[in-house]
Amino acid sequence: MRSALTRAANRLVGGVRWYVRELMDESAYDRYVTHARRNHPEAEVPSRRDFERMRTDRQEADPRQGFRCC
């Protein structure tokens, strides 16, 4: 049986992981896949690599994004 301290530590680590993923926008692909499957079930969902490429291209083409440092 796990102790209350172990459960609390696991919740804390899970919360930190969620926060960092949201902060770094790492969860964007997961949200995109959920949206695509719910609203466009017939459409093919791109791979994560293709999604990131499309996202980067879109950001670089948008003049409101400004220039990138790296």
C-alpha atoms as a PDB file:
ATOM      1  CA  MET A   1       0.000   0.000   0.000  1.00  0.00           C
ATOM      2  CA  ARG A   2       1.359   3.387  -0.982  1.00  0.00           C
ATOM      3  CA  SER A   3       1.697   5.995   1.678  1.00  0.00           C
ATOM      4  CA  ALA A   4      -0.022   9.356   1.580  1.00  0.00           C
ATOM      5  CA  LEU A   5       3.384  10.989   1.111  1.00  0.00           C
ATOM      6  CA  THR A   6       4.068   8.928  -2.038  1.00  0.00           C
ATOM      7  CA  ARG A   7       0.659   9.804  -3.485  1.00  0.00           C
ATOM      8  CA  ALA A   8       1.200  13.493  -2.735  1.00  0.00           C
ATOM      9  CA  ALA A   9       4.643  13.403  -4.370  1.00  0.00           C
ATOM     10  CA  ASN A  10       3.193  11.724  -7.469  1.00  0.00           C
ATOM     11  CA  ARG A  11       0.461  14.368  -7.693  1.00  0.00           C
ATOM     12  CA  LEU A  12       3.061  17.110  -7.347  1.00  0.00           C
ATOM     13  CA  VAL A  13       5.266  15.637 -10.083  1.00  0.00           C
ATOM     14  CA  GLY A  14       2.234  15.203 -12.332  1.00  0.00           C
ATOM     15  CA  GLY A  15       1.207  18.809 -11.752  1.00  0.00           C
ATOM     16  CA  VAL A  16       4.681  20.120 -12.506  1.00  0.00           C
ATOM     17  CA  ARG A  17       4.833  17.991 -15.672  1.00  0.00           C
ATOM     18  CA  TRP A  18       1.445  19.337 -16.821  1.00  0.00           C
ATOM     19  CA  TYR A  19       2.505  22.933 -16.098  1.00  0.00           C
ATOM     20  CA  VAL A  20       5.782  22.653 -17.994  1.00  0.00           C
ATOM     21  CA  ARG A  21       4.064  21.015 -20.988  1.00  0.00           C
ATOM     22  CA  GLU A  22       1.504  23.830 -21.094  1.00  0.00           C
ATOM     23  CA  LEU A  23       4.133  26.517 -20.606  1.00  0.00           C
ATOM     24  CA  MET A  24       6.291  25.151 -23.430  1.00  0.00           C
ATOM     25  CA  ASP A  25       3.179  24.440 -25.568  1.00  0.00           C
ATOM     26  CA  GLU A  26       4.232  20.794 -25.785  1.00  0.00           C
ATOM     27  CA  SER A  27       0.587  19.754 -25.509  1.00  0.00           C
ATOM     28  CA  ALA A  28      -0.438  21.630 -28.697  1.00  0.00           C
ATOM     29  CA  TYR A  29      -0.236  18.455 -30.794  1.00  0.00           C
ATOM     30  CA  ASP A  30      -2.390  16.519 -28.317  1.00  0.00           C
ATOM     31  CA  ARG A  31      -5.028  19.270 -28.412  1.00  0.00           C
ATOM     32  CA  TYR A  32      -4.860  19.338 -32.219  1.00  0.00           C
ATOM     33  CA  VAL A  33      -5.345  15.567 -32.508  1.00  0.00           C
ATOM     34  CA  THR A  34      -8.306  15.671 -30.110  1.00  0.00           C
ATOM     35  CA  HIS A  35      -9.883  18.529 -32.074  1.00  0.00           C
ATOM     36  CA  ALA A  36      -9.275  16.891 -35.462  1.00  0.00           C
ATOM     37  CA  ARG A  37     -10.709  13.524 -34.440  1.00  0.00           C
ATOM     38  CA  ARG A  38     -13.750  15.099 -32.825  1.00  0.00           C
ATOM     39  CA  ASN A  39     -14.595  17.650 -35.538  1.00  0.00           C
ATOM     40  CA  HIS A  40     -13.119  16.072 -38.671  1.00  0.00           C
ATOM     41  CA  PRO A  41     -13.159  12.294 -38.180  1.00  0.00           C
ATOM     42  CA  GLU A  42     -12.720  11.629 -41.905  1.00  0.00           C
ATOM     43  CA  ALA A  43      -9.547  13.734 -42.183  1.00  0.00           C
ATOM     44  CA  GLU A  44      -6.110  12.196 -41.842  1.00  0.00           C
ATOM     45  CA  VAL A  45      -4.246  13.411 -38.765  1.00  0.00           C
ATOM     46  CA  PRO A  46      -0.661  14.438 -39.573  1.00  0.00           C
ATOM     47  CA  SER A  47       2.252  12.993 -37.659  1.00  0.00           C
ATOM     48  CA  ARG A  48       3.715  15.036 -34.829  1.00  0.00           C
ATOM     49  CA  ARG A  49       6.691  15.922 -37.026  1.00  0.00           C
ATOM     50  CA  ASP A  50       4.425  17.152 -39.850  1.00  0.00           C
ATOM     51  CA  PHE A  51       2.300  19.076 -37.349  1.00  0.00           C
ATOM     52  CA  GLU A  52       5.355  20.838 -35.914  1.00  0.00           C
ATOM     53  CA  ARG A  53       6.604  21.670 -39.426  1.00  0.00           C
ATOM     54  CA  MET A  54       3.198  23.156 -40.391  1.00  0.00           C
ATOM     55  CA  ARG A  55       3.083  25.094 -37.135  1.00  0.00           C
ATOM     56  CA  THR A  56       6.587  26.495 -37.589  1.00  0.00           C
ATOM     57  CA  ASP A  57       5.893  27.459 -41.204  1.00  0.00           C
ATOM     58  CA  ARG A  58       2.679  29.219 -40.154  1.00  0.00           C
ATOM     59  CA  GLN A  59       4.459  31.117 -37.375  1.00  0.00           C
ATOM     60  CA  GLU A  60       7.301  32.218 -39.638  1.00  0.00           C
ATOM     61  CA  ALA A  61       4.885  33.395 -42.323  1.00  0.00           C
ATOM     62  CA  ASP A  62       2.905  35.548 -39.893  1.00  0.00           C
ATOM     63  CA  PRO A  63       4.360  39.088 -39.748  1.00  0.00           C
ATOM     64  CA  ARG A  64       2.851  39.581 -36.264  1.00  0.00           C
ATOM     65  CA  GLN A  65       5.198  36.923 -34.884  1.00  0.00           C
ATOM     66  CA  GLY A  66       8.239  39.125 -35.468  1.00  0.00           C
ATOM     67  CA  PHE A  67      11.663  37.641 -35.983  1.00  0.00           C
ATOM     68  CA  ARG A  68      12.918  34.563 -34.202  1.00  0.00           C
ATOM     69  CA  CYS A  69      16.093  34.405 -32.197  1.00  0.00           C
ATOM     70  CA  CYS A  70      16.935  30.808 -33.091  1.00  0.00           C
END
